[in-house]
Every structure is written in C-alpha cells, then in structure tokens.
Amino acid sequence: MMVKEKNKKVREVLFSFVLAIVLMIFPVASGIIVTVNNINMPQMYWVQGAFMLASISVPLCILFITNTNLNQIGFSKVKKGSIKTVLYFFPIIAAKMGYLFFEFKQSRGILA
C-alpha cells in the first residue's frame, strides 16, 4: 500500500514538472519569434499575449483531458481570512493592463 502512495506522489511530481516545461515553451518561443523577426512594440505585445494565452490554455486542456485536480499539482483554494492578500496583486495587474491596451511610453521613468 505504501508503494502505491509513493508511486502516486512521484507521478504527480513528474506531471507537475512536465506542465512547468510546457508552460515555459510558449513564452520562450514568443521571445525567439519577436527577436528574430524584429517585431515592433505593439505587435510584440500581441505576439507575446497570444503565446501566453497558449501557455495557459494548453496545460489546462491537458489537465481537463487527464481529469487531474488542481490540488494534485499544488494549487489550493483561497482561505476565508486571506482574501486581502490575494487582492493585493489586483492593482498591480490592472496598472500593467494600461501598457498593453493604451501603449503608454516611458521616458526617463516618467509616463509621457
């Protein structure tokens, strides 16, 4: 019985590593495409956004096909008392969205 539990844990760890490698392939490929083709900034954001979407959707499809719970690969639910910690990152993400949609340009650290 202990051997089965150990094998299950090893299999889950290996599966997590495979998903991590799949997650890393797409951003690296987008960086290579942008660098090799000398793509300008707005197009670069779209290419990287598309590849980031692919890097999230492909592992989620793999998880859906294999019927794997997110708890098995390290995700857990938000606890009731920790919602403030989770919402701490929301303004940072919202501020960065402006760069994607409105193409703010930085000049010496000041938004122009």
PDB file of N, CA and C in Angstrom:
ATOM      1  N   MET A   1       0.821  -1.194   0.000  1.00  0.00           N
ATOM      2  CA  MET A   1       0.000   0.000   0.000  1.00  0.00           C
ATOM      3  C   MET A   1       0.861   1.252   0.000  1.00  0.00           C
ATOM      4  N   MET A   2       1.954   1.241   0.745  1.00  0.00           N
ATOM      5  CA  MET A   2       2.818   2.414   0.785  1.00  0.00           C
ATOM      6  C   MET A   2       3.522   2.625  -0.550  1.00  0.00           C
ATOM      7  N   VAL A   3       3.776   1.556  -1.267  1.00  0.00           N
ATOM      8  CA  VAL A   3       4.429   1.676  -2.568  1.00  0.00           C
ATOM      9  C   VAL A   3       3.508   2.387  -3.550  1.00  0.00           C
ATOM     10  N   LYS A   4       2.202   2.078  -3.514  1.00  0.00           N
ATOM     11  CA  LYS A   4       1.251   2.740  -4.403  1.00  0.00           C
ATOM     12  C   LYS A   4       1.161   4.233  -4.105  1.00  0.00           C
ATOM     13  N   GLU A   5       1.147   4.595  -2.823  1.00  0.00           N
ATOM     14  CA  GLU A   5       1.089   6.011  -2.446  1.00  0.00           C
ATOM     15  C   GLU A   5       2.360   6.735  -2.880  1.00  0.00           C
ATOM     16  N   LYS A   6       3.494   6.081  -2.723  1.00  0.00           N
ATOM     17  CA  LYS A   6       4.764   6.695  -3.129  1.00  0.00           C
ATOM     18  C   LYS A   6       4.803   6.877  -4.640  1.00  0.00           C
ATOM     19  N   ASN A   7       4.344   5.860  -5.380  1.00  0.00           N
ATOM     20  CA  ASN A   7       4.314   5.962  -6.843  1.00  0.00           C
ATOM     21  C   ASN A   7       3.370   7.070  -7.295  1.00  0.00           C
ATOM     22  N   LYS A   8       2.255   7.231  -6.603  1.00  0.00           N
ATOM     23  CA  LYS A   8       1.302   8.275  -6.950  1.00  0.00           C
ATOM     24  C   LYS A   8       1.911   9.651  -6.736  1.00  0.00           C
ATOM     25  N   LYS A   9       2.624   9.840  -5.639  1.00  0.00           N
ATOM     26  CA  LYS A   9       3.270  11.120  -5.376  1.00  0.00           C
ATOM     27  C   LYS A   9       4.368  11.401  -6.394  1.00  0.00           C
ATOM     28  N   VAL A  10       5.141  10.398  -6.741  1.00  0.00           N
ATOM     29  CA  VAL A  10       6.200  10.582  -7.739  1.00  0.00           C
ATOM     30  C   VAL A  10       5.586  10.942  -9.085  1.00  0.00           C
ATOM     31  N   ARG A  11       4.498  10.272  -9.434  1.00  0.00           N
ATOM     32  CA  ARG A  11       3.822  10.551 -10.709  1.00  0.00           C
ATOM     33  C   ARG A  11       3.268  11.980 -10.734  1.00  0.00           C
ATOM     34  N   GLU A  12       2.723  12.445  -9.601  1.00  0.00           N
ATOM     35  CA  GLU A  12       2.203  13.806  -9.534  1.00  0.00           C
ATOM     36  C   GLU A  12       3.313  14.837  -9.649  1.00  0.00           C
ATOM     37  N   VAL A  13       4.456  14.571  -9.033  1.00  0.00           N
ATOM     38  CA  VAL A  13       5.590  15.492  -9.127  1.00  0.00           C
ATOM     39  C   VAL A  13       6.114  15.544 -10.559  1.00  0.00           C
ATOM     40  N   LEU A  14       6.250  14.406 -11.195  1.00  0.00           N
ATOM     41  CA  LEU A  14       6.708  14.378 -12.585  1.00  0.00           C
ATOM     42  C   LEU A  14       5.717  15.077 -13.511  1.00  0.00           C
ATOM     43  N   PHE A  15       4.431  14.888 -13.273  1.00  0.00           N
ATOM     44  CA  PHE A  15       3.403  15.552 -14.068  1.00  0.00           C
ATOM     45  C   PHE A  15       3.496  17.065 -13.900  1.00  0.00           C
ATOM     46  N   SER A  16       3.779  17.526 -12.684  1.00  0.00           N
ATOM     47  CA  SER A  16       3.948  18.964 -12.440  1.00  0.00           C
ATOM     48  C   SER A  16       5.146  19.503 -13.205  1.00  0.00           C
ATOM     49  N   PHE A  17       6.240  18.745 -13.243  1.00  0.00           N
ATOM     50  CA  PHE A  17       7.412  19.185 -13.995  1.00  0.00           C
ATOM     51  C   PHE A  17       7.117  19.257 -15.492  1.00  0.00           C
ATOM     52  N   VAL A  18       6.383  18.291 -16.003  1.00  0.00           N
ATOM     53  CA  VAL A  18       6.014  18.314 -17.430  1.00  0.00           C
ATOM     54  C   VAL A  18       5.160  19.541 -17.735  1.00  0.00           C
ATOM     55  N   LEU A  19       4.198  19.837 -16.876  1.00  0.00           N
ATOM     56  CA  LEU A  19       3.377  21.025 -17.087  1.00  0.00           C
ATOM     57  C   LEU A  19       4.209  22.305 -17.002  1.00  0.00           C
ATOM     58  N   ALA A  20       5.174  22.346 -16.103  1.00  0.00           N
ATOM     59  CA  ALA A  20       6.034  23.522 -15.991  1.00  0.00           C
ATOM     60  C   ALA A  20       6.858  23.722 -17.257  1.00  0.00           C
ATOM     61  N   ILE A  21       7.352  22.644 -17.823  1.00  0.00           N
ATOM     62  CA  ILE A  21       8.134  22.750 -19.063  1.00  0.00           C
ATOM     63  C   ILE A  21       7.235  23.213 -20.209  1.00  0.00           C
ATOM     64  N   VAL A  22       6.021  22.681 -20.287  1.00  0.00           N
ATOM     65  CA  VAL A  22       5.079  23.122 -21.328  1.00  0.00           C
ATOM     66  C   VAL A  22       4.764  24.603 -21.156  1.00  0.00           C
ATOM     67  N   LEU A  23       4.592  25.042 -19.912  1.00  0.00           N
ATOM     68  CA  LEU A  23       4.329  26.459 -19.651  1.00  0.00           C
ATOM     69  C   LEU A  23       5.484  27.341 -20.106  1.00  0.00           C
ATOM     70  N   MET A  24       6.697  26.846 -20.011  1.00  0.00           N
ATOM     71  CA  MET A  24       7.866  27.662 -20.365  1.00  0.00           C
ATOM     72  C   MET A  24       8.149  27.678 -21.864  1.00  0.00           C
ATOM     73  N   ILE A  25       7.689  26.689 -22.589  1.00  0.00           N
ATOM     74  CA  ILE A  25       7.991  26.605 -24.021  1.00  0.00           C
ATOM     75  C   ILE A  25       7.396  27.794 -24.781  1.00  0.00           C
ATOM     76  N   PHE A  26       6.158  28.143 -24.493  1.00  0.00           N
ATOM     77  CA  PHE A  26       5.472  29.175 -25.270  1.00  0.00           C
ATOM     78  C   PHE A  26       6.076  30.578 -25.083  1.00  0.00           C
ATOM     79  N   PRO A  27       6.364  31.047 -23.861  1.00  0.00           N
ATOM     80  CA  PRO A  27       6.994  32.372 -23.739  1.00  0.00           C
ATOM     81  C   PRO A  27       8.386  32.432 -24.373  1.00  0.00           C
ATOM     82  N   VAL A  28       9.131  31.352 -24.281  1.00  0.00           N
ATOM     83  CA  VAL A  28      10.452  31.326 -24.916  1.00  0.00           C
ATOM     84  C   VAL A  28      10.307  31.388 -26.432  1.00  0.00           C
ATOM     85  N   ALA A  29       9.344  30.644 -26.967  1.00  0.00           N
ATOM     86  CA  ALA A  29       9.116  30.673 -28.416  1.00  0.00           C
ATOM     87  C   ALA A  29       8.674  32.062 -28.874  1.00  0.00           C
ATOM     88  N   SER A  30       7.836  32.739 -28.101  1.00  0.00           N
ATOM     89  CA  SER A  30       7.418  34.087 -28.497  1.00  0.00           C
ATOM     90  C   SER A  30       8.587  35.059 -28.456  1.00  0.00           C
ATOM     91  N   GLY A  31       9.451  34.926 -27.467  1.00  0.00           N
ATOM     92  CA  GLY A  31      10.640  35.778 -27.421  1.00  0.00           C
ATOM     93  C   GLY A  31      11.556  35.546 -28.605  1.00  0.00           C
ATOM     94  N   ILE A  32      11.701  34.309 -29.008  1.00  0.00           N
ATOM     95  CA  ILE A  32      12.532  33.992 -30.177  1.00  0.00           C
ATOM     96  C   ILE A  32      11.917  34.576 -31.437  1.00  0.00           C
ATOM     97  N   ILE A  33      10.611  34.426 -31.603  1.00  0.00           N
ATOM     98  CA  ILE A  33       9.937  34.959 -32.791  1.00  0.00           C
ATOM     99  C   ILE A  33      10.069  36.473 -32.854  1.00  0.00           C
ATOM    100  N   VAL A  34       9.870  37.147 -31.728  1.00  0.00           N
ATOM    101  CA  VAL A  34       9.958  38.609 -31.698  1.00  0.00           C
ATOM    102  C   VAL A  34      11.375  39.067 -32.010  1.00  0.00           C
ATOM    103  N   THR A  35      12.361  38.395 -31.454  1.00  0.00           N
ATOM    104  CA  THR A  35      13.758  38.799 -31.659  1.00  0.00           C
ATOM    105  C   THR A  35      14.219  38.532 -33.086  1.00  0.00           C
ATOM    106  N   VAL A  36      13.902  37.374 -33.612  1.00  0.00           N
ATOM    107  CA  VAL A  36      14.371  37.010 -34.954  1.00  0.00           C
ATOM    108  C   VAL A  36      13.709  37.869 -36.024  1.00  0.00           C
ATOM    109  N   ASN A  37      12.426  38.157 -35.866  1.00  0.00           N
ATOM    110  CA  ASN A  37      11.695  38.904 -36.887  1.00  0.00           C
ATOM    111  C   ASN A  37      11.716  40.413 -36.693  1.00  0.00           C
ATOM    112  N   ASN A  38      12.399  40.903 -35.667  1.00  0.00           N
ATOM    113  CA  ASN A  38      12.490  42.352 -35.392  1.00  0.00           C
ATOM    114  C   ASN A  38      11.112  43.009 -35.374  1.00  0.00           C
ATOM    115  N   ILE A  39      10.231  42.498 -34.551  1.00  0.00           N
ATOM    116  CA  ILE A  39       8.852  42.986 -34.481  1.00  0.00           C
ATOM    117  C   ILE A  39       8.807  44.227 -33.594  1.00  0.00           C
ATOM    118  N   ASN A  40       7.994  45.227 -33.995  1.00  0.00           N
ATOM    119  CA  ASN A  40       7.885  46.459 -33.204  1.00  0.00           C
ATOM    120  C   ASN A  40       7.034  46.214 -31.954  1.00  0.00           C
ATOM    121  N   MET A  41       6.963  47.229 -31.075  1.00  0.00           N
ATOM    122  CA  MET A  41       6.378  47.061 -29.748  1.00  0.00           C
ATOM    123  C   MET A  41       4.906  46.638 -29.738  1.00  0.00           C
ATOM    124  N   PRO A  42       3.991  47.307 -30.438  1.00  0.00           N
ATOM    125  CA  PRO A  42       2.585  46.858 -30.356  1.00  0.00           C
ATOM    126  C   PRO A  42       2.388  45.422 -30.845  1.00  0.00           C
ATOM    127  N   GLN A  43       3.054  45.072 -31.931  1.00  0.00           N
ATOM    128  CA  GLN A  43       2.939  43.701 -32.434  1.00  0.00           C
ATOM    129  C   GLN A  43       3.591  42.713 -31.475  1.00  0.00           C
ATOM    130  N   MET A  44       4.670  43.136 -30.821  1.00  0.00           N
ATOM    131  CA  MET A  44       5.341  42.280 -29.861  1.00  0.00           C
ATOM    132  C   MET A  44       4.401  41.925 -28.709  1.00  0.00           C
ATOM    133  N   TYR A  45       3.644  42.927 -28.229  1.00  0.00           N
ATOM    134  CA  TYR A  45       2.704  42.668 -27.144  1.00  0.00           C
ATOM    135  C   TYR A  45       1.629  41.674 -27.573  1.00  0.00           C
ATOM    136  N   TRP A  46       1.151  41.792 -28.798  1.00  0.00           N
ATOM    137  CA  TRP A  46       0.130  40.860 -29.279  1.00  0.00           C
ATOM    138  C   TRP A  46       0.679  39.453 -29.440  1.00  0.00           C
ATOM    139  N   VAL A  47       1.896  39.333 -29.984  1.00  0.00           N
ATOM    140  CA  VAL A  47       2.505  38.012 -30.151  1.00  0.00           C
ATOM    141  C   VAL A  47       2.734  37.366 -28.786  1.00  0.00           C
ATOM    142  N   GLN A  48       3.297  38.136 -27.852  1.00  0.00           N
ATOM    143  CA  GLN A  48       3.548  37.571 -26.533  1.00  0.00           C
ATOM    144  C   GLN A  48       2.254  37.259 -25.795  1.00  0.00           C
ATOM    145  N   GLY A  49       1.241  38.085 -25.976  1.00  0.00           N
ATOM    146  CA  GLY A  49      -0.059  37.802 -25.362  1.00  0.00           C
ATOM    147  C   GLY A  49      -0.682  36.526 -25.900  1.00  0.00           C
ATOM    148  N   ALA A  50      -0.580  36.332 -27.210  1.00  0.00           N
ATOM    149  CA  ALA A  50      -1.138  35.118 -27.812  1.00  0.00           C
ATOM    150  C   ALA A  50      -0.398  33.874 -27.319  1.00  0.00           C
ATOM    151  N   PHE A  51       0.917  33.976 -27.229  1.00  0.00           N
ATOM    152  CA  PHE A  51       1.683  32.833 -26.758  1.00  0.00           C
ATOM    153  C   PHE A  51       1.469  32.582 -25.265  1.00  0.00           C
ATOM    154  N   MET A  52       1.242  33.629 -24.483  1.00  0.00           N
ATOM    155  CA  MET A  52       0.937  33.433 -23.067  1.00  0.00           C
ATOM    156  C   MET A  52      -0.437  32.772 -22.913  1.00  0.00           C
ATOM    157  N   LEU A  53      -1.378  33.162 -23.749  1.00  0.00           N
ATOM    158  CA  LEU A  53      -2.682  32.510 -23.727  1.00  0.00           C
ATOM    159  C   LEU A  53      -2.535  31.028 -24.067  1.00  0.00           C
ATOM    160  N   ALA A  54      -1.703  30.728 -25.043  1.00  0.00           N
ATOM    161  CA  ALA A  54      -1.459  29.330 -25.404  1.00  0.00           C
ATOM    162  C   ALA A  54      -0.758  28.586 -24.268  1.00  0.00           C
ATOM    163  N   SER A  55       0.151  29.276 -23.577  1.00  0.00           N
ATOM    164  CA  SER A  55       0.873  28.604 -22.497  1.00  0.00           C
ATOM    165  C   SER A  55      -0.022  28.314 -21.309  1.00  0.00           C
ATOM    166  N   ILE A  56      -1.139  28.994 -21.206  1.00  0.00           N
ATOM    167  CA  ILE A  56      -2.091  28.707 -20.134  1.00  0.00           C
ATOM    168  C   ILE A  56      -3.143  27.697 -20.601  1.00  0.00           C
ATOM    169  N   SER A  57      -3.616  27.857 -21.824  1.00  0.00           N
ATOM    170  CA  SER A  57      -4.711  27.001 -22.291  1.00  0.00           C
ATOM    171  C   SER A  57      -4.275  25.566 -22.580  1.00  0.00           C
ATOM    172  N   VAL A  58      -3.061  25.376 -23.089  1.00  0.00           N
ATOM    173  CA  VAL A  58      -2.609  24.010 -23.393  1.00  0.00           C
ATOM    174  C   VAL A  58      -2.500  23.161 -22.124  1.00  0.00           C
ATOM    175  N   PRO A  59      -1.837  23.640 -21.052  1.00  0.00           N
ATOM    176  CA  PRO A  59      -1.821  22.811 -19.829  1.00  0.00           C
ATOM    177  C   PRO A  59      -3.205  22.611 -19.218  1.00  0.00           C
ATOM    178  N   LEU A  60      -4.085  23.621 -19.324  1.00  0.00           N
ATOM    179  CA  LEU A  60      -5.438  23.425 -18.808  1.00  0.00           C
ATOM    180  C   LEU A  60      -6.179  22.354 -19.599  1.00  0.00           C
ATOM    181  N   CYS A  61      -5.961  22.304 -20.911  1.00  0.00           N
ATOM    182  CA  CYS A  61      -6.561  21.239 -21.719  1.00  0.00           C
ATOM    183  C   CYS A  61      -6.002  19.869 -21.315  1.00  0.00           C
ATOM    184  N   ILE A  62      -4.701  19.828 -21.042  1.00  0.00           N
ATOM    185  CA  ILE A  62      -4.087  18.572 -20.594  1.00  0.00           C
ATOM    186  C   ILE A  62      -4.697  18.143 -19.263  1.00  0.00           C
ATOM    187  N   LEU A  63      -4.879  19.102 -18.352  1.00  0.00           N
ATOM    188  CA  LEU A  63      -5.490  18.784 -17.061  1.00  0.00           C
ATOM    189  C   LEU A  63      -6.927  18.291 -17.240  1.00  0.00           C
ATOM    190  N   PHE A  64      -7.655  18.908 -18.153  1.00  0.00           N
ATOM    191  CA  PHE A  64      -9.043  18.510 -18.397  1.00  0.00           C
ATOM    192  C   PHE A  64      -9.116  17.109 -18.997  1.00  0.00           C
ATOM    193  N   ILE A  65      -8.226  16.809 -19.937  1.00  0.00           N
ATOM    194  CA  ILE A  65      -8.237  15.503 -20.594  1.00  0.00           C
ATOM    195  C   ILE A  65      -7.857  14.392 -19.617  1.00  0.00           C
ATOM    196  N   THR A  66      -6.884  14.671 -18.744  1.00  0.00           N
ATOM    197  CA  THR A  66      -6.414  13.644 -17.806  1.00  0.00           C
ATOM    198  C   THR A  66      -7.214  13.610 -16.512  1.00  0.00           C
ATOM    199  N   ASN A  67      -8.235  14.464 -16.379  1.00  0.00           N
ATOM    200  CA  ASN A  67      -9.072  14.526 -15.173  1.00  0.00           C
ATOM    201  C   ASN A  67      -8.244  14.732 -13.903  1.00  0.00           C
ATOM    202  N   THR A  68      -7.299  15.648 -13.965  1.00  0.00           N
ATOM    203  CA  THR A  68      -6.439  15.946 -12.830  1.00  0.00           C
ATOM    204  C   THR A  68      -7.005  17.131 -12.066  1.00  0.00           C
ATOM    205  N   ASN A  69      -7.064  17.023 -10.749  1.00  0.00           N
ATOM    206  CA  ASN A  69      -7.486  18.138  -9.912  1.00  0.00           C
ATOM    207  C   ASN A  69      -6.338  19.120  -9.755  1.00  0.00           C
ATOM    208  N   LEU A  70      -6.657  20.396  -9.612  1.00  0.00           N
ATOM    209  CA  LEU A  70      -5.618  21.399  -9.395  1.00  0.00           C
ATOM    210  C   LEU A  70      -4.923  21.199  -8.054  1.00  0.00           C
ATOM    211  N   ASN A  71      -5.600  20.574  -7.092  1.00  0.00           N
ATOM    212  CA  ASN A  71      -4.978  20.291  -5.808  1.00  0.00           C
ATOM    213  C   ASN A  71      -3.809  19.318  -5.953  1.00  0.00           C
ATOM    214  N   GLN A  72      -3.858  18.443  -6.935  1.00  0.00           N
ATOM    215  CA  GLN A  72      -2.810  17.450  -7.123  1.00  0.00           C
ATOM    216  C   GLN A  72      -1.510  18.055  -7.632  1.00  0.00           C
ATOM    217  N   ILE A  73      -1.577  19.221  -8.262  1.00  0.00           N
ATOM    218  CA  ILE A  73      -0.350  19.820  -8.789  1.00  0.00           C
ATOM    219  C   ILE A  73       0.072  21.059  -8.011  1.00  0.00           C
ATOM    220  N   GLY A  74      -0.528  21.282  -6.839  1.00  0.00           N
ATOM    221  CA  GLY A  74      -0.024  22.334  -5.964  1.00  0.00           C
ATOM    222  C   GLY A  74      -0.924  23.530  -5.748  1.00  0.00           C
ATOM    223  N   PHE A  75      -2.066  23.603  -6.409  1.00  0.00           N
ATOM    224  CA  PHE A  75      -2.977  24.717  -6.202  1.00  0.00           C
ATOM    225  C   PHE A  75      -3.912  24.395  -5.042  1.00  0.00           C
ATOM    226  N   SER A  76      -4.328  25.433  -4.352  1.00  0.00           N
ATOM    227  CA  SER A  76      -5.281  25.234  -3.259  1.00  0.00           C
ATOM    228  C   SER A  76      -6.290  26.375  -3.282  1.00  0.00           C
ATOM    229  N   LYS A  77      -7.376  26.200  -2.567  1.00  0.00           N
ATOM    230  CA  LYS A  77      -8.412  27.220  -2.518  1.00  0.00           C
ATOM    231  C   LYS A  77      -7.967  28.376  -1.630  1.00  0.00           C
ATOM    232  N   VAL A  78      -8.539  29.549  -1.864  1.00  0.00           N
ATOM    233  CA  VAL A  78      -8.254  30.724  -1.047  1.00  0.00           C
ATOM    234  C   VAL A  78      -8.973  30.563   0.279  1.00  0.00           C
ATOM    235  N   LYS A  79      -8.244  30.758   1.366  1.00  0.00           N
ATOM    236  CA  LYS A  79      -8.857  30.650   2.686  1.00  0.00           C
ATOM    237  C   LYS A  79      -9.655  31.913   2.975  1.00  0.00           C
ATOM    238  N   LYS A  80     -10.632  31.819   3.845  1.00  0.00           N
ATOM    239  CA  LYS A  80     -11.530  32.934   4.111  1.00  0.00           C
ATOM    240  C   LYS A  80     -10.805  34.162   4.637  1.00  0.00           C
ATOM    241  N   GLY A  81      -9.797  34.001   5.443  1.00  0.00           N
ATOM    242  CA  GLY A  81      -9.113  35.139   6.035  1.00  0.00           C
ATOM    243  C   GLY A  81      -8.035  35.754   5.164  1.00  0.00           C
ATOM    244  N   SER A  82      -7.709  35.142   4.035  1.00  0.00           N
ATOM    245  CA  SER A  82      -6.580  35.611   3.237  1.00  0.00           C
ATOM    246  C   SER A  82      -6.993  36.346   1.968  1.00  0.00           C
ATOM    247  N   ILE A  83      -8.228  36.801   1.880  1.00  0.00           N
ATOM    248  CA  ILE A  83      -8.687  37.482   0.665  1.00  0.00           C
ATOM    249  C   ILE A  83      -7.937  38.799   0.459  1.00  0.00           C
ATOM    250  N   LYS A  84      -7.529  39.468   1.536  1.00  0.00           N
ATOM    251  CA  LYS A  84      -6.777  40.712   1.390  1.00  0.00           C
ATOM    252  C   LYS A  84      -5.420  40.457   0.748  1.00  0.00           C
ATOM    253  N   THR A  85      -4.805  39.359   1.067  1.00  0.00           N
ATOM    254  CA  THR A  85      -3.519  39.016   0.460  1.00  0.00           C
ATOM    255  C   THR A  85      -3.684  38.746  -1.032  1.00  0.00           C
ATOM    256  N   VAL A  86      -4.745  38.065  -1.392  1.00  0.00           N
ATOM    257  CA  VAL A  86      -4.994  37.759  -2.807  1.00  0.00           C
ATOM    258  C   VAL A  86      -5.293  39.033  -3.577  1.00  0.00           C
ATOM    259  N   LEU A  87      -6.107  39.910  -3.025  1.00  0.00           N
ATOM    260  CA  LEU A  87      -6.476  41.147  -3.709  1.00  0.00           C
ATOM    261  C   LEU A  87      -5.352  42.175  -3.739  1.00  0.00           C
ATOM    262  N   TYR A  88      -4.263  41.925  -3.017  1.00  0.00           N
ATOM    263  CA  TYR A  88      -3.120  42.828  -3.017  1.00  0.00           C
ATOM    264  C   TYR A  88      -2.525  42.974  -4.424  1.00  0.00           C
ATOM    265  N   PHE A  89      -2.543  41.915  -5.211  1.00  0.00           N
ATOM    266  CA  PHE A  89      -1.931  41.934  -6.535  1.00  0.00           C
ATOM    267  C   PHE A  89      -2.841  42.504  -7.617  1.00  0.00           C
ATOM    268  N   PHE A  90      -4.113  42.677  -7.342  1.00  0.00           N
ATOM    269  CA  PHE A  90      -5.054  43.159  -8.344  1.00  0.00           C
ATOM    270  C   PHE A  90      -4.704  44.545  -8.882  1.00  0.00           C
ATOM    271  N   PRO A  91      -4.342  45.553  -8.055  1.00  0.00           N
ATOM    272  CA  PRO A  91      -3.971  46.858  -8.619  1.00  0.00           C
ATOM    273  C   PRO A  91      -2.719  46.806  -9.491  1.00  0.00           C
ATOM    274  N   ILE A  92      -1.799  45.927  -9.164  1.00  0.00           N
ATOM    275  CA  ILE A  92      -0.580  45.789  -9.974  1.00  0.00           C
ATOM    276  C   ILE A  92      -0.936  45.257 -11.356  1.00  0.00           C
ATOM    277  N   ILE A  93      -1.778  44.263 -11.407  1.00  0.00           N
ATOM    278  CA  ILE A  93      -2.193  43.691 -12.689  1.00  0.00           C
ATOM    279  C   ILE A  93      -2.996  44.711 -13.485  1.00  0.00           C
ATOM    280  N   ALA A  94      -3.885  45.448 -12.830  1.00  0.00           N
ATOM    281  CA  ALA A  94      -4.700  46.455 -13.514  1.00  0.00           C
ATOM    282  C   ALA A  94      -3.830  47.578 -14.072  1.00  0.00           C
ATOM    283  N   ALA A  95      -2.793  47.975 -13.341  1.00  0.00           N
ATOM    284  CA  ALA A  95      -1.905  49.033 -13.818  1.00  0.00           C
ATOM    285  C   ALA A  95      -1.117  48.574 -15.044  1.00  0.00           C
ATOM    286  N   LYS A  96      -0.724  47.336 -15.075  1.00  0.00           N
ATOM    287  CA  LYS A  96       0.032  46.820 -16.225  1.00  0.00           C
ATOM    288  C   LYS A  96      -0.840  46.642 -17.463  1.00  0.00           C
ATOM    289  N   MET A  97      -2.141  46.487 -17.291  1.00  0.00           N
ATOM    290  CA  MET A  97      -3.027  46.334 -18.442  1.00  0.00           C
ATOM    291  C   MET A  97      -3.052  47.603 -19.301  1.00  0.00           C
ATOM    292  N   GLY A  98      -2.830  48.759 -18.695  1.00  0.00           N
ATOM    293  CA  GLY A  98      -2.786  50.001 -19.454  1.00  0.00           C
ATOM    294  C   GLY A  98      -1.677  50.008 -20.482  1.00  0.00           C
ATOM    295  N   TYR A  99      -0.548  49.400 -20.167  1.00  0.00           N
ATOM    296  CA  TYR A  99       0.555  49.340 -21.119  1.00  0.00           C
ATOM    297  C   TYR A  99       0.182  48.508 -22.340  1.00  0.00           C
ATOM    298  N   LEU A 100      -0.603  47.476 -22.135  1.00  0.00           N
ATOM    299  CA  LEU A 100      -0.975  46.621 -23.253  1.00  0.00           C
ATOM    300  C   LEU A 100      -1.990  47.292 -24.170  1.00  0.00           C
ATOM    301  N   PHE A 101      -3.017  47.911 -23.582  1.00  0.00           N
ATOM    302  CA  PHE A 101      -4.103  48.440 -24.399  1.00  0.00           C
ATOM    303  C   PHE A 101      -3.906  49.883 -24.859  1.00  0.00           C
ATOM    304  N   PHE A 102      -3.185  50.680 -24.090  1.00  0.00           N
ATOM    305  CA  PHE A 102      -3.069  52.095 -24.429  1.00  0.00           C
ATOM    306  C   PHE A 102      -1.672  52.515 -24.845  1.00  0.00           C
ATOM    307  N   GLU A 103      -0.731  51.580 -24.885  1.00  0.00           N
ATOM    308  CA  GLU A 103       0.633  51.809 -25.356  1.00  0.00           C
ATOM    309  C   GLU A 103       1.290  53.018 -24.692  1.00  0.00           C
ATOM    310  N   PHE A 104       1.263  53.078 -23.375  1.00  0.00           N
ATOM    311  CA  PHE A 104       1.973  54.138 -22.667  1.00  0.00           C
ATOM    312  C   PHE A 104       3.460  54.018 -22.952  1.00  0.00           C
ATOM    313  N   LYS A 105       4.113  55.148 -23.130  1.00  0.00           N
ATOM    314  CA  LYS A 105       5.542  55.146 -23.391  1.00  0.00           C
ATOM    315  C   LYS A 105       6.256  55.745 -22.191  1.00  0.00           C
ATOM    316  N   GLN A 106       7.368  55.144 -21.833  1.00  0.00           N
ATOM    317  CA  GLN A 106       8.144  55.654 -20.709  1.00  0.00           C
ATOM    318  C   GLN A 106       9.306  56.473 -21.217  1.00  0.00           C
ATOM    319  N   SER A 107       9.520  57.616 -20.577  1.00  0.00           N
ATOM    320  CA  SER A 107      10.651  58.461 -20.896  1.00  0.00           C
ATOM    321  C   SER A 107      11.312  58.876 -19.581  1.00  0.00           C
ATOM    322  N   ARG A 108      12.471  58.327 -19.328  1.00  0.00           N
ATOM    323  CA  ARG A 108      13.219  58.575 -18.093  1.00  0.00           C
ATOM    324  C   ARG A 108      12.400  58.229 -16.851  1.00  0.00           C
ATOM    325  N   GLY A 109      11.641  57.193 -16.919  1.00  0.00           N
ATOM    326  CA  GLY A 109      10.897  56.730 -15.755  1.00  0.00           C
ATOM    327  C   GLY A 109       9.601  57.477 -15.533  1.00  0.00           C
ATOM    328  N   ILE A 110       9.254  58.475 -16.364  1.00  0.00           N
ATOM    329  CA  ILE A 110       8.022  59.234 -16.198  1.00  0.00           C
ATOM    330  C   ILE A 110       7.119  58.927 -17.376  1.00  0.00           C
ATOM    331  N   LEU A 111       5.853  58.696 -17.099  1.00  0.00           N
ATOM    332  CA  LEU A 111       4.918  58.423 -18.183  1.00  0.00           C
ATOM    333  C   LEU A 111       4.711  59.685 -19.014  1.00  0.00           C
ATOM    334  N   ALA A 112       4.868  59.575 -20.313  1.00  0.00           N
ATOM    335  CA  ALA A 112       4.695  60.745 -21.178  1.00  0.00           C
ATOM    336  C   ALA A 112       3.519  60.534 -22.111  1.00  0.00           C
TER     337      ALA A 112
END
